[in-house]
Structures are given as structure tokens and as C-alpha cells.
Amino acid sequence: MVSVQQEKQALRPNDQRVLDLFLGYIKVEKGLARLTLEAYGRDLAQFAEFCATRRRNLLNARREDVREFLGHYLRGTTDVGRSAARKLSALRHFYKFLMIDRHIEHDPTLNIETPRQWKILPKSLAVAEVDAMVAAPQPRNDGAYAQALATRDRTMLAVLYAGGLRVSELTGARMEDLKLDLGYMLVRGKGDKERIVPLGAEAIHALRSYLAEARPALCKNKTSPLLFVARGAKRISRERVWQIAHAAGIGTGRGASPHMLRHSCATHMVERGADLRTVQTILGHADISTTQVYTHVALDRLKNVYAQHHPRAKKK
């Protein structure tokens, strides 16, 4: 069996470059499992090879290339619906990423129907697990720099959970976006869309401590417009945030990621009665259907409310 790495090595340099960018993005931003990453990488490498036979590449592929690739690969496949859904999902995620990062102007996967599939429910942590994760980063020694790093890491995790932020939104947040006195921050999401996100008391307290002590120690004599910085006021990479979250979540035993904190924020709000429109606004979902995946967490609460208030809910 040919590995993903072997398939990628056979690609042309430009195709391999954009594929590596995408796989790095979904690993950090989406927190996808290793097997999912490998499947996406394999599907996209196969599509790149298919495009090469038509004298095209991943950046100039057309809609008919996508359709014929799916038809060519699926001939003789017994589980056509599931295979088509997975491959088309990989292509859609890939070209959505390229559109957002302005690598392309047209999405070749538009208007291609997907076989209906059950949505996979997002993984979330319990409130106690989130608390333990946010408190996990501790200084490695008594030095000022180690103390500053630990404070920064705890604050980043607190903000990820408080506002349901994506990793790219966190690393791109600017000082001017923060409105601590008003209790919120301005978040620039996908497609440069802006939204206002409440932070909550605990995240605000963590931010005040970070801004007063940790950030000046990290910047030293340099300046940066970014809210969260590395040593020397440099930008923090999305990969680094993923590493911090993964290390902090080891105690949960569930392979925690930054995206899991985002899911946990939404899940815990819905569990406590938040309406989907509010959650949609906070998360920055363009379509309410994306937010509706969280309705499953409200079922127990719905049953309890029904049992308490419907006149015929209880058996006489």
C-alpha cells in the first residue's frame, strides 16, 4: 500500500506546496485526527495526479475535473455514496481554504451534490476538564521569561474557550481589538468578517494579568500590534498554539486541541439554554445549519423541561 508521504513525493512542487499548507491548516485549525489527515492527504494527492493527466494542477482545476475524478475513481466501488462523500468533502475543504487565503478566485467544487451523510458530532470536554486544561501550563523554572510564557499560555487557552475562537483568530488578534473595560473583543474571522465576542470574567482577569506582566516581559524593548506574542514580540504560529493546547490537555486523556475548546464553548452554552442564533453569532458561523450540530447536547434539557411543564408528560 502506497503511503501518503510517497504519494506526496510524486506531486509537482506547486501542488505539494499548497497541499502541505492545507494539511498544516486543518491539523491546527480543525484539530482533525491523524487518520482523517491521512485520508484527506491521500484523496487530494490522487486528485492532483488525476489533474496532471489533464495538464492541470490543483490551483487551476475546473468543475468538470472534479466530476470526472469522482466518476473515474468510483467505478466499481461498492460503497459509492460514502466514498464520494469523503473525497468530495476533502476537495471542498481544500478549495475553501484556498479561496479564503486568496490562492484561487473560483471554487471548482461548487454545485456538486454530496450524498447525504450523518454529521459527526463535535467532541467537547466537560467543564471540569476545561478548567484543568486552562490551569495546566506552569513555568518550568523561577525565571521571569518562564513565568511570562506560562501566563501567556494559560491566557490563550482561557480566551479560546471563553470566546469560542479559531486558532487563526487568536494568533491574529490585535491589541486594538481588545475592549476589556466593555468585556469583549473584536474578532476577525473567515473571509475578513468581523464579530464581537464576549469574554467573561475569568478570561478578562487572565488578560489583565497577561497584559500587565507577561506581555511586556516577552516583548522586552520591541513592539507588536498583536495581542499574543512570542519572545521578542514575534508572532505565534498556529502550530505552536496546537502544541500548547495538546500538552495542556494530556491530563484529560482525550487528545485535546484548540478546536475542542471551541466546541466545548458552544456545547456548554447550549447545555445551559443558549439559543442557536446567539451561539452562531459568537462562533462566527455563516450558516445556522453549521451551528445546529450542537442541538444534540440540548436534548436532555429539552426532555426535563417538557417533563416539568407539559400537562400530560407524567403518567398518572
Foldseek 3Di string as FASTA:
>chain_A
DDFLVNLLVPADPVQSVLLVVLLVCCCLQVVDDPVLSRLLSVLSSQLQVQVVVVVHGLQPDALVSLVVSLVVVCVPPPPSQVVNQSSLVSLVSSQLVCVQVVSHDDRRSPPDDHRDDDDDFAAADDPVLLVQLLQQQDFPDDDLQSRLVSLLLSLLSLQCQQLLDGLVQQLAAFPVQDDLVVQWGWTQDGPRDIAITGRDDVSSVSLVVNVVRNVCQQCPPHDDRHSRAGRVRHGDDSVVSQVSSQVSNVVVVPRGGSNNSSSHNLLVCVCVPDDLVVNCRSNVPPDSVVSCSSVVSCPVVVLVVCCVPPPPNDDD
